[in-house]
């Protein structure tokens, strides 16, 4: 059966079996192939068993919840590829040392580091998330206000839009030497840099969404007696919601890049600081562990943004293809 829409992969309850089998292959490679590199592999084996167990549980749930099954079966091929890549990666590193240390550690070594250094990694993640959200929320709020002013008022557009065009092409990190001098500590400096990185994309997309609103909507509303506040808050801003979420998604990516770089210079905690510290000791397994944490965190944030977007634009379902 071929499912139309977002989940276009062929749907079958048995498509998840190859994914579980691929994880079993990765587990078998790690258990029964001798190690060339001295790596403690038990945490990695527990990870593979846990991953497979979660898939089995999700498969059982999908038998009773059809909509969840569509999503799960759609991802089955990708999960299968992940399992096979883990097996090949393990063979090329821990099992044969074809790809040598320290620059290319195997999956078992990375998972082992995440297990041993879990307290430090959790603390670093907490510091990074505090800085990230402080900067992203500040930049998003400033971007919303600026975008509304530029998109709705001609006078504000006249003065602010050239400023946005100039500062938008300047990387936020370029402001670091100035920010370090102006602000009293590294945390406020980081918040400023992340806010600058997120401000431009949100402001630009909000102003674009408002200015692209069809004039016919305004004319109809004025005919019915709508005032300027109604036009702005009930027509222009709702019309800009898709653009707002696009700007927030872009701002999230830019903020993550700025977060890592800002923590590498002057910070005393955080994932960026941890990467810089681990690199100095050639502990690249710790570097990769941080990269994985960042990738997972970023994916979670984008998923949350997508869910919020789908909720606020639920009226478009069945109307906009």
C-alpha atoms as a PDB file:
ATOM      1  CA  UNK A   1       0.000   0.000   0.000  1.00  0.00           C
ATOM      2  CA  UNK A   2       1.368   3.399  -0.998  1.00  0.00           C
ATOM      3  CA  UNK A   3       0.522   6.174   1.448  1.00  0.00           C
ATOM      4  CA  UNK A   4       0.124   9.682   0.071  1.00  0.00           C
ATOM      5  CA  UNK A   5       1.203  12.848   1.787  1.00  0.00           C
ATOM      6  CA  UNK A   6       4.147  13.293   4.119  1.00  0.00           C
ATOM      7  CA  UNK A   7       4.556   9.554   4.719  1.00  0.00           C
ATOM      8  CA  UNK A   8       5.069   8.425   1.131  1.00  0.00           C
ATOM      9  CA  UNK A   9       7.096   5.282   1.875  1.00  0.00           C
ATOM     10  CA  UNK A  10       5.211   2.044   1.389  1.00  0.00           C
ATOM     11  CA  UNK A  11       3.475   1.092   4.621  1.00  0.00           C
ATOM     12  CA  UNK A  12       3.832  -2.382   6.133  1.00  0.00           C
ATOM     13  CA  UNK A  13       4.009  -3.517   9.745  1.00  0.00           C
ATOM     14  CA  UNK A  14       6.946  -5.723   8.776  1.00  0.00           C
ATOM     15  CA  UNK A  15       9.121  -2.871   7.488  1.00  0.00           C
ATOM     16  CA  UNK A  16      10.487  -2.338  10.990  1.00  0.00           C
ATOM     17  CA  UNK A  17      11.935  -5.845  11.184  1.00  0.00           C
ATOM     18  CA  UNK A  18      14.973  -5.006   8.961  1.00  0.00           C
ATOM     19  CA  UNK A  19      15.697  -2.045  11.250  1.00  0.00           C
ATOM     20  CA  UNK A  20      15.711  -4.278  14.329  1.00  0.00           C
ATOM     21  CA  UNK A  21      17.813  -6.810  12.422  1.00  0.00           C
ATOM     22  CA  UNK A  22      20.338  -4.089  11.468  1.00  0.00           C
ATOM     23  CA  UNK A  23      20.736  -3.161  15.133  1.00  0.00           C
ATOM     24  CA  UNK A  24      21.207  -6.857  15.870  1.00  0.00           C
ATOM     25  CA  UNK A  25      23.967  -6.980  13.267  1.00  0.00           C
ATOM     26  CA  UNK A  26      25.663  -3.970  14.892  1.00  0.00           C
ATOM     27  CA  UNK A  27      25.376  -5.710  18.259  1.00  0.00           C
ATOM     28  CA  UNK A  28      26.781  -8.967  16.874  1.00  0.00           C
ATOM     29  CA  UNK A  29      29.711  -7.188  15.243  1.00  0.00           C
ATOM     30  CA  UNK A  30      30.585  -5.514  18.519  1.00  0.00           C
ATOM     31  CA  UNK A  31      30.222  -8.642  20.677  1.00  0.00           C
ATOM     32  CA  UNK A  32      31.758 -11.354  18.511  1.00  0.00           C
ATOM     33  CA  UNK A  33      34.442  -9.476  16.587  1.00  0.00           C
ATOM     34  CA  UNK A  34      37.716  -9.055  18.543  1.00  0.00           C
ATOM     35  CA  UNK A  35      38.801  -5.534  19.463  1.00  0.00           C
ATOM     36  CA  UNK A  36      42.006  -4.104  18.067  1.00  0.00           C
ATOM     37  CA  UNK A  37      41.649  -0.921  20.081  1.00  0.00           C
ATOM     38  CA  UNK A  38      41.261  -1.060  23.842  1.00  0.00           C
ATOM     39  CA  UNK A  39      37.701   0.149  24.269  1.00  0.00           C
ATOM     40  CA  UNK A  40      35.139  -0.604  26.989  1.00  0.00           C
ATOM     41  CA  UNK A  41      32.155  -1.683  24.899  1.00  0.00           C
ATOM     42  CA  UNK A  42      29.483  -2.577  27.475  1.00  0.00           C
ATOM     43  CA  UNK A  43      27.719   0.859  27.412  1.00  0.00           C
ATOM     44  CA  UNK A  44      27.548   0.667  23.615  1.00  0.00           C
ATOM     45  CA  UNK A  45      26.054  -2.816  23.752  1.00  0.00           C
ATOM     46  CA  UNK A  46      23.466  -1.631  26.282  1.00  0.00           C
ATOM     47  CA  UNK A  47      22.668   1.274  23.973  1.00  0.00           C
ATOM     48  CA  UNK A  48      22.045  -1.065  21.008  1.00  0.00           C
ATOM     49  CA  UNK A  49      19.866  -3.383  23.102  1.00  0.00           C
ATOM     50  CA  UNK A  50      17.898  -0.406  24.424  1.00  0.00           C
ATOM     51  CA  UNK A  51      17.490   1.031  20.918  1.00  0.00           C
ATOM     52  CA  UNK A  52      16.153  -2.288  19.619  1.00  0.00           C
ATOM     53  CA  UNK A  53      13.848  -2.676  22.639  1.00  0.00           C
ATOM     54  CA  UNK A  54      12.387   0.792  22.049  1.00  0.00           C
ATOM     55  CA  UNK A  55      11.719  -0.107  18.417  1.00  0.00           C
ATOM     56  CA  UNK A  56       9.908  -3.265  19.483  1.00  0.00           C
ATOM     57  CA  UNK A  57       7.755  -1.276  21.941  1.00  0.00           C
ATOM     58  CA  UNK A  58       6.988   1.342  19.297  1.00  0.00           C
ATOM     59  CA  UNK A  59       6.095  -1.404  16.826  1.00  0.00           C
ATOM     60  CA  UNK A  60       3.589  -2.861  19.299  1.00  0.00           C
ATOM     61  CA  UNK A  61       2.088   0.602  19.842  1.00  0.00           C
ATOM     62  CA  UNK A  62       1.824   1.098  16.074  1.00  0.00           C
ATOM     63  CA  UNK A  63      -0.382  -2.002  15.808  1.00  0.00           C
ATOM     64  CA  UNK A  64      -3.043  -0.178  17.827  1.00  0.00           C
ATOM     65  CA  UNK A  65      -2.457   3.440  16.696  1.00  0.00           C
ATOM     66  CA  UNK A  66      -2.541   3.621  12.915  1.00  0.00           C
ATOM     67  CA  UNK A  67      -1.468   7.266  12.624  1.00  0.00           C
ATOM     68  CA  UNK A  68       1.627   6.569  14.700  1.00  0.00           C
ATOM     69  CA  UNK A  69       2.336   3.547  12.505  1.00  0.00           C
ATOM     70  CA  UNK A  70       2.471   5.768   9.425  1.00  0.00           C
ATOM     71  CA  UNK A  71       5.261   7.837  10.972  1.00  0.00           C
ATOM     72  CA  UNK A  72       7.151   4.839  12.324  1.00  0.00           C
ATOM     73  CA  UNK A  73       7.084   2.757   9.149  1.00  0.00           C
ATOM     74  CA  UNK A  74       8.082   5.790   7.104  1.00  0.00           C
ATOM     75  CA  UNK A  75      11.322   6.036   9.118  1.00  0.00           C
ATOM     76  CA  UNK A  76      12.048   2.292   9.010  1.00  0.00           C
ATOM     77  CA  UNK A  77      14.483   2.418   6.093  1.00  0.00           C
ATOM     78  CA  UNK A  78      16.452   5.251   7.662  1.00  0.00           C
ATOM     79  CA  UNK A  79      16.715   3.389  10.978  1.00  0.00           C
ATOM     80  CA  UNK A  80      17.927   0.322   9.080  1.00  0.00           C
ATOM     81  CA  UNK A  81      20.641   2.404   7.431  1.00  0.00           C
ATOM     82  CA  UNK A  82      21.673   3.779  10.860  1.00  0.00           C
ATOM     83  CA  UNK A  83      22.133   0.254  12.216  1.00  0.00           C
ATOM     84  CA  UNK A  84      24.243  -0.828   9.239  1.00  0.00           C
ATOM     85  CA  UNK A  85      26.359   2.338   9.413  1.00  0.00           C
ATOM     86  CA  UNK A  86      27.036   1.679  13.112  1.00  0.00           C
ATOM     87  CA  UNK A  87      28.167  -1.854  12.288  1.00  0.00           C
ATOM     88  CA  UNK A  88      30.483  -0.645   9.490  1.00  0.00           C
ATOM     89  CA  UNK A  89      31.816   2.198  11.631  1.00  0.00           C
ATOM     90  CA  UNK A  90      32.592  -0.254  14.427  1.00  0.00           C
ATOM     91  CA  UNK A  91      34.427  -2.563  12.004  1.00  0.00           C
ATOM     92  CA  UNK A  92      36.555   0.260  10.606  1.00  0.00           C
ATOM     93  CA  UNK A  93      37.560   1.646  14.000  1.00  0.00           C
ATOM     94  CA  UNK A  94      37.398  -0.455  17.163  1.00  0.00           C
ATOM     95  CA  UNK A  95      37.581  -3.822  15.390  1.00  0.00           C
ATOM     96  CA  UNK A  96      40.303  -3.150  12.809  1.00  0.00           C
ATOM     97  CA  UNK A  97      41.802   0.324  13.411  1.00  0.00           C
ATOM     98  CA  UNK A  98      41.649   0.968   9.666  1.00  0.00           C
ATOM     99  CA  UNK A  99      40.527   4.462  10.644  1.00  0.00           C
ATOM    100  CA  UNK A 100      43.021   5.322  13.399  1.00  0.00           C
ATOM    101  CA  UNK A 101      42.696   7.120  16.681  1.00  0.00           C
ATOM    102  CA  UNK A 102      42.521   9.750  18.067  1.00  0.00           C
ATOM    103  CA  UNK A 103      40.737  11.675  15.321  1.00  0.00           C
ATOM    104  CA  UNK A 104      38.139   9.035  14.413  1.00  0.00           C
ATOM    105  CA  UNK A 105      36.929   7.119  17.477  1.00  0.00           C
ATOM    106  CA  UNK A 106      34.434   4.308  17.078  1.00  0.00           C
ATOM    107  CA  UNK A 107      30.799   4.376  18.214  1.00  0.00           C
ATOM    108  CA  UNK A 108      31.589   2.227  21.258  1.00  0.00           C
ATOM    109  CA  UNK A 109      34.226   4.698  22.401  1.00  0.00           C
ATOM    110  CA  UNK A 110      31.877   7.678  21.972  1.00  0.00           C
ATOM    111  CA  UNK A 111      29.000   6.010  23.809  1.00  0.00           C
ATOM    112  CA  UNK A 112      31.461   4.996  26.543  1.00  0.00           C
ATOM    113  CA  UNK A 113      32.535   8.597  26.966  1.00  0.00           C
ATOM    114  CA  UNK A 114      28.923   9.717  27.165  1.00  0.00           C
ATOM    115  CA  UNK A 115      28.398   7.162  29.924  1.00  0.00           C
ATOM    116  CA  UNK A 116      31.542   7.959  31.917  1.00  0.00           C
ATOM    117  CA  UNK A 117      31.343  11.730  31.499  1.00  0.00           C
ATOM    118  CA  UNK A 118      27.561  11.949  31.825  1.00  0.00           C
ATOM    119  CA  UNK A 119      27.671  14.289  34.821  1.00  0.00           C
ATOM    120  CA  UNK A 120      29.986  16.774  33.086  1.00  0.00           C
ATOM    121  CA  UNK A 121      28.097  16.500  29.806  1.00  0.00           C
ATOM    122  CA  UNK A 122      24.753  17.095  31.509  1.00  0.00           C
ATOM    123  CA  UNK A 123      26.149  20.102  33.359  1.00  0.00           C
ATOM    124  CA  UNK A 124      27.666  21.499  30.169  1.00  0.00           C
ATOM    125  CA  UNK A 125      24.395  20.934  28.319  1.00  0.00           C
ATOM    126  CA  UNK A 126      22.473  22.753  31.064  1.00  0.00           C
ATOM    127  CA  UNK A 127      24.821  25.754  30.866  1.00  0.00           C
ATOM    128  CA  UNK A 128      24.551  25.829  27.077  1.00  0.00           C
ATOM    129  CA  UNK A 129      20.766  25.561  27.074  1.00  0.00           C
ATOM    130  CA  UNK A 130      20.477  28.381  29.600  1.00  0.00           C
ATOM    131  CA  UNK A 131      22.579  30.638  27.402  1.00  0.00           C
ATOM    132  CA  UNK A 132      20.882  29.433  24.210  1.00  0.00           C
ATOM    133  CA  UNK A 133      17.327  30.067  25.367  1.00  0.00           C
ATOM    134  CA  UNK A 134      18.179  33.414  26.956  1.00  0.00           C
ATOM    135  CA  UNK A 135      19.687  34.637  23.692  1.00  0.00           C
ATOM    136  CA  UNK A 136      17.116  33.047  21.358  1.00  0.00           C
ATOM    137  CA  UNK A 137      14.094  34.312  23.294  1.00  0.00           C
ATOM    138  CA  UNK A 138      15.575  37.806  23.544  1.00  0.00           C
ATOM    139  CA  UNK A 139      16.426  37.895  19.835  1.00  0.00           C
ATOM    140  CA  UNK A 140      13.044  36.452  18.826  1.00  0.00           C
ATOM    141  CA  UNK A 141      11.100  39.015  20.854  1.00  0.00           C
ATOM    142  CA  UNK A 142      13.194  41.861  19.450  1.00  0.00           C
ATOM    143  CA  UNK A 143      12.768  40.408  15.970  1.00  0.00           C
ATOM    144  CA  UNK A 144       8.995  40.199  16.337  1.00  0.00           C
ATOM    145  CA  UNK A 145       8.727  43.819  17.481  1.00  0.00           C
ATOM    146  CA  UNK A 146      11.129  45.083  14.826  1.00  0.00           C
ATOM    147  CA  UNK A 147       9.495  43.047  12.069  1.00  0.00           C
ATOM    148  CA  UNK A 148       6.015  44.311  12.949  1.00  0.00           C
ATOM    149  CA  UNK A 149       7.217  47.924  13.004  1.00  0.00           C
ATOM    150  CA  UNK A 150       9.007  47.579   9.671  1.00  0.00           C
ATOM    151  CA  UNK A 151       6.255  45.633   7.958  1.00  0.00           C
ATOM    152  CA  UNK A 152       3.380  47.845   9.128  1.00  0.00           C
ATOM    153  CA  UNK A 153       4.686  51.412   9.491  1.00  0.00           C
ATOM    154  CA  UNK A 154       6.375  53.184   6.575  1.00  0.00           C
ATOM    155  CA  UNK A 155       8.306  55.547   8.840  1.00  0.00           C
ATOM    156  CA  UNK A 156       9.829  52.693  10.830  1.00  0.00           C
ATOM    157  CA  UNK A 157      10.597  50.878   7.605  1.00  0.00           C
ATOM    158  CA  UNK A 158      12.418  53.939   6.311  1.00  0.00           C
ATOM    159  CA  UNK A 159      14.768  54.106   9.309  1.00  0.00           C
ATOM    160  CA  UNK A 160      15.128  50.476  10.413  1.00  0.00           C
ATOM    161  CA  UNK A 161      15.149  48.435   7.209  1.00  0.00           C
ATOM    162  CA  UNK A 162      18.508  49.836   5.989  1.00  0.00           C
ATOM    163  CA  UNK A 163      19.939  49.035   9.432  1.00  0.00           C
ATOM    164  CA  UNK A 164      18.712  45.441   9.161  1.00  0.00           C
ATOM    165  CA  UNK A 165      20.168  45.088   5.663  1.00  0.00           C
ATOM    166  CA  UNK A 166      23.559  46.254   6.892  1.00  0.00           C
ATOM    167  CA  UNK A 167      23.738  44.330  10.161  1.00  0.00           C
ATOM    168  CA  UNK A 168      22.074  41.202   8.732  1.00  0.00           C
ATOM    169  CA  UNK A 169      25.063  40.325   6.554  1.00  0.00           C
ATOM    170  CA  UNK A 170      27.519  40.722   9.432  1.00  0.00           C
ATOM    171  CA  UNK A 171      28.083  37.444  11.337  1.00  0.00           C
ATOM    172  CA  UNK A 172      27.129  37.769  14.980  1.00  0.00           C
ATOM    173  CA  UNK A 173      30.569  36.520  16.019  1.00  0.00           C
ATOM    174  CA  UNK A 174      32.117  39.586  14.385  1.00  0.00           C
ATOM    175  CA  UNK A 175      30.620  41.621  17.231  1.00  0.00           C
ATOM    176  CA  UNK A 176      32.477  39.597  19.849  1.00  0.00           C
ATOM    177  CA  UNK A 177      35.471  41.962  20.359  1.00  0.00           C
ATOM    178  CA  UNK A 178      33.077  44.852  20.953  1.00  0.00           C
ATOM    179  CA  UNK A 179      30.710  42.812  23.127  1.00  0.00           C
ATOM    180  CA  UNK A 180      33.537  41.625  25.371  1.00  0.00           C
ATOM    181  CA  UNK A 181      34.499  45.239  26.063  1.00  0.00           C
ATOM    182  CA  UNK A 182      30.940  46.481  26.620  1.00  0.00           C
ATOM    183  CA  UNK A 183      29.399  43.698  28.736  1.00  0.00           C
ATOM    184  CA  UNK A 184      30.608  42.727  32.204  1.00  0.00           C
ATOM    185  CA  UNK A 185      30.712  38.917  31.846  1.00  0.00           C
ATOM    186  CA  UNK A 186      30.771  36.138  29.275  1.00  0.00           C
ATOM    187  CA  UNK A 187      27.152  35.093  29.862  1.00  0.00           C
ATOM    188  CA  UNK A 188      25.701  38.478  28.916  1.00  0.00           C
ATOM    189  CA  UNK A 189      28.138  38.627  26.006  1.00  0.00           C
ATOM    190  CA  UNK A 190      26.860  35.274  24.775  1.00  0.00           C
ATOM    191  CA  UNK A 191      23.228  36.345  25.154  1.00  0.00           C
ATOM    192  CA  UNK A 192      23.953  39.476  23.124  1.00  0.00           C
ATOM    193  CA  UNK A 193      25.654  37.541  20.320  1.00  0.00           C
ATOM    194  CA  UNK A 194      22.903  34.915  20.104  1.00  0.00           C
ATOM    195  CA  UNK A 195      20.217  37.618  20.195  1.00  0.00           C
ATOM    196  CA  UNK A 196      21.918  39.435  17.323  1.00  0.00           C
ATOM    197  CA  UNK A 197      22.139  36.174  15.352  1.00  0.00           C
ATOM    198  CA  UNK A 198      18.435  35.406  15.790  1.00  0.00           C
ATOM    199  CA  UNK A 199      17.105  38.961  15.589  1.00  0.00           C
ATOM    200  CA  UNK A 200      17.774  39.519  11.891  1.00  0.00           C
ATOM    201  CA  UNK A 201      16.107  36.391  10.498  1.00  0.00           C
ATOM    202  CA  UNK A 202      12.994  36.787  12.663  1.00  0.00           C
ATOM    203  CA  UNK A 203      12.635  40.512  11.927  1.00  0.00           C
ATOM    204  CA  UNK A 204      13.101  40.032   8.203  1.00  0.00           C
ATOM    205  CA  UNK A 205      10.613  37.163   7.910  1.00  0.00           C
ATOM    206  CA  UNK A 206       7.992  38.917  10.070  1.00  0.00           C
ATOM    207  CA  UNK A 207       8.212  42.102   8.012  1.00  0.00           C
ATOM    208  CA  UNK A 208       8.032  40.075   4.790  1.00  0.00           C
ATOM    209  CA  UNK A 209       4.962  38.198   5.997  1.00  0.00           C
ATOM    210  CA  UNK A 210       3.159  41.381   7.016  1.00  0.00           C
ATOM    211  CA  UNK A 211       4.036  43.338   3.877  1.00  0.00           C
ATOM    212  CA  UNK A 212       2.945  40.444   1.637  1.00  0.00           C
ATOM    213  CA  UNK A 213      -0.578  40.350   3.068  1.00  0.00           C
ATOM    214  CA  UNK A 214      -3.130  40.823   0.303  1.00  0.00           C
ATOM    215  CA  UNK A 215      -4.653  44.302   0.201  1.00  0.00           C
ATOM    216  CA  UNK A 216      -8.017  42.711  -0.500  1.00  0.00           C
ATOM    217  CA  UNK A 217      -8.146  41.477   3.101  1.00  0.00           C
ATOM    218  CA  UNK A 218      -7.679  45.024   4.386  1.00  0.00           C
ATOM    219  CA  UNK A 219     -10.277  46.457   2.040  1.00  0.00           C
ATOM    220  CA  UNK A 220     -12.892  43.928   3.084  1.00  0.00           C
ATOM    221  CA  UNK A 221     -12.140  44.492   6.777  1.00  0.00           C
ATOM    222  CA  UNK A 222     -12.338  48.299   6.389  1.00  0.00           C
ATOM    223  CA  UNK A 223     -15.669  47.909   4.626  1.00  0.00           C
ATOM    224  CA  UNK A 224     -16.904  46.076   7.709  1.00  0.00           C
ATOM    225  CA  UNK A 225     -15.677  48.874   9.980  1.00  0.00           C
ATOM    226  CA  UNK A 226     -12.297  47.500  11.156  1.00  0.00           C
ATOM    227  CA  UNK A 227      -9.829  49.946  12.702  1.00  0.00           C
ATOM    228  CA  UNK A 228      -6.028  49.903  12.353  1.00  0.00           C
ATOM    229  CA  UNK A 229      -5.465  47.755  15.453  1.00  0.00           C
ATOM    230  CA  UNK A 230      -7.844  45.140  14.099  1.00  0.00           C
ATOM    231  CA  UNK A 231      -6.085  45.146  10.711  1.00  0.00           C
ATOM    232  CA  UNK A 232      -2.708  44.661  12.362  1.00  0.00           C
ATOM    233  CA  UNK A 233      -3.499  42.072  15.028  1.00  0.00           C
ATOM    234  CA  UNK A 234      -6.303  40.146  13.334  1.00  0.00           C
ATOM    235  CA  UNK A 235      -5.173  40.190   9.679  1.00  0.00           C
ATOM    236  CA  UNK A 236      -1.541  41.198   9.127  1.00  0.00           C
ATOM    237  CA  UNK A 237       0.119  39.312  11.982  1.00  0.00           C
ATOM    238  CA  UNK A 238      -1.931  36.093  11.557  1.00  0.00           C
ATOM    239  CA  UNK A 239      -1.071  36.167   7.846  1.00  0.00           C
ATOM    240  CA  UNK A 240       2.615  36.398   8.806  1.00  0.00           C
ATOM    241  CA  UNK A 241       2.542  33.359  11.131  1.00  0.00           C
ATOM    242  CA  UNK A 242       4.087  30.952   8.536  1.00  0.00           C
ATOM    243  CA  UNK A 243       6.888  33.457   7.925  1.00  0.00           C
ATOM    244  CA  UNK A 244       7.343  33.946  11.676  1.00  0.00           C
ATOM    245  CA  UNK A 245       7.953  30.228  12.218  1.00  0.00           C
ATOM    246  CA  UNK A 246      10.299  30.116   9.240  1.00  0.00           C
ATOM    247  CA  UNK A 247      12.280  32.939  10.792  1.00  0.00           C
ATOM    248  CA  UNK A 248      12.346  31.224  14.197  1.00  0.00           C
ATOM    249  CA  UNK A 249      13.590  27.980  12.615  1.00  0.00           C
ATOM    250  CA  UNK A 250      16.369  29.858  10.830  1.00  0.00           C
ATOM    251  CA  UNK A 251      17.180  31.774  14.005  1.00  0.00           C
ATOM    252  CA  UNK A 252      17.480  28.505  15.929  1.00  0.00           C
ATOM    253  CA  UNK A 253      20.173  27.236  13.569  1.00  0.00           C
ATOM    254  CA  UNK A 254      22.097  30.503  13.585  1.00  0.00           C
ATOM    255  CA  UNK A 255      21.831  30.691  17.367  1.00  0.00           C
ATOM    256  CA  UNK A 256      23.292  27.217  17.775  1.00  0.00           C
ATOM    257  CA  UNK A 257      26.314  28.141  15.658  1.00  0.00           C
ATOM    258  CA  UNK A 258      26.816  31.356  17.598  1.00  0.00           C
ATOM    259  CA  UNK A 259      26.371  29.504  20.901  1.00  0.00           C
ATOM    260  CA  UNK A 260      29.207  27.071  20.202  1.00  0.00           C
ATOM    261  CA  UNK A 261      31.633  29.728  18.986  1.00  0.00           C
ATOM    262  CA  UNK A 262      30.855  32.125  21.835  1.00  0.00           C
ATOM    263  CA  UNK A 263      31.421  29.387  24.427  1.00  0.00           C
ATOM    264  CA  UNK A 264      34.754  28.481  22.872  1.00  0.00           C
ATOM    265  CA  UNK A 265      36.081  31.954  23.568  1.00  0.00           C
ATOM    266  CA  UNK A 266      36.125  33.058  27.179  1.00  0.00           C
ATOM    267  CA  UNK A 267      33.373  30.847  28.583  1.00  0.00           C
ATOM    268  CA  UNK A 268      34.026  28.605  31.592  1.00  0.00           C
ATOM    269  CA  UNK A 269      31.216  26.114  31.004  1.00  0.00           C
ATOM    270  CA  UNK A 270      28.988  24.766  28.253  1.00  0.00           C
ATOM    271  CA  UNK A 271      29.255  22.370  25.332  1.00  0.00           C
ATOM    272  CA  UNK A 272      31.366  24.775  23.282  1.00  0.00           C
ATOM    273  CA  UNK A 273      33.780  25.158  26.178  1.00  0.00           C
ATOM    274  CA  UNK A 274      33.849  21.379  26.638  1.00  0.00           C
ATOM    275  CA  UNK A 275      34.673  20.828  22.945  1.00  0.00           C
ATOM    276  CA  UNK A 276      37.483  23.363  23.099  1.00  0.00           C
ATOM    277  CA  UNK A 277      38.864  21.774  26.266  1.00  0.00           C
ATOM    278  CA  UNK A 278      38.648  18.222  24.854  1.00  0.00           C
ATOM    279  CA  UNK A 279      40.303  19.283  21.613  1.00  0.00           C
ATOM    280  CA  UNK A 280      43.266  20.626  23.565  1.00  0.00           C
ATOM    281  CA  UNK A 281      43.779  17.137  25.035  1.00  0.00           C
ATOM    282  CA  UNK A 282      43.136  15.386  21.680  1.00  0.00           C
ATOM    283  CA  UNK A 283      40.143  13.678  23.303  1.00  0.00           C
ATOM    284  CA  UNK A 284      38.142  13.559  20.098  1.00  0.00           C
ATOM    285  CA  UNK A 285      35.732  10.976  21.474  1.00  0.00           C
ATOM    286  CA  UNK A 286      34.517  13.698  23.853  1.00  0.00           C
ATOM    287  CA  UNK A 287      34.299  16.143  20.963  1.00  0.00           C
ATOM    288  CA  UNK A 288      32.093  13.746  18.998  1.00  0.00           C
ATOM    289  CA  UNK A 289      29.959  13.109  22.071  1.00  0.00           C
ATOM    290  CA  UNK A 290      29.246  16.849  22.350  1.00  0.00           C
ATOM    291  CA  UNK A 291      28.498  17.067  18.640  1.00  0.00           C
ATOM    292  CA  UNK A 292      25.946  14.260  18.960  1.00  0.00           C
ATOM    293  CA  UNK A 293      24.306  15.971  21.947  1.00  0.00           C
ATOM    294  CA  UNK A 294      24.086  19.207  19.962  1.00  0.00           C
ATOM    295  CA  UNK A 295      22.599  17.423  16.964  1.00  0.00           C
ATOM    296  CA  UNK A 296      19.972  15.683  19.074  1.00  0.00           C
ATOM    297  CA  UNK A 297      19.116  18.900  20.933  1.00  0.00           C
ATOM    298  CA  UNK A 298      18.798  20.852  17.696  1.00  0.00           C
ATOM    299  CA  UNK A 299      16.526  18.177  16.203  1.00  0.00           C
ATOM    300  CA  UNK A 300      14.310  18.266  19.294  1.00  0.00           C
ATOM    301  CA  UNK A 301      13.996  22.052  19.120  1.00  0.00           C
ATOM    302  CA  UNK A 302      13.091  21.972  15.427  1.00  0.00           C
ATOM    303  CA  UNK A 303      10.509  19.276  16.129  1.00  0.00           C
ATOM    304  CA  UNK A 304       8.944  21.422  18.852  1.00  0.00           C
ATOM    305  CA  UNK A 305       8.879  24.437  16.523  1.00  0.00           C
ATOM    306  CA  UNK A 306       7.243  22.321  13.794  1.00  0.00           C
ATOM    307  CA  UNK A 307       4.605  21.034  16.227  1.00  0.00           C
ATOM    308  CA  UNK A 308       3.831  24.579  17.368  1.00  0.00           C
ATOM    309  CA  UNK A 309       3.617  25.722  13.752  1.00  0.00           C
ATOM    310  CA  UNK A 310       1.243  22.882  12.882  1.00  0.00           C
ATOM    311  CA  UNK A 311      -0.916  23.768  15.892  1.00  0.00           C
ATOM    312  CA  UNK A 312      -1.218  27.466  15.082  1.00  0.00           C
ATOM    313  CA  UNK A 313      -1.789  26.721  11.391  1.00  0.00           C
ATOM    314  CA  UNK A 314      -4.117  23.785  11.930  1.00  0.00           C
ATOM    315  CA  UNK A 315      -6.808  25.689  10.032  1.00  0.00           C
ATOM    316  CA  UNK A 316      -4.716  25.220   6.868  1.00  0.00           C
ATOM    317  CA  UNK A 317      -5.055  21.450   6.983  1.00  0.00           C
ATOM    318  CA  UNK A 318      -6.969  20.369   3.921  1.00  0.00           C
ATOM    319  CA  UNK A 319      -6.871  23.931   2.524  1.00  0.00           C
ATOM    320  CA  UNK A 320      -3.188  24.543   1.777  1.00  0.00           C
ATOM    321  CA  UNK A 321      -1.388  21.659   0.073  1.00  0.00           C
END
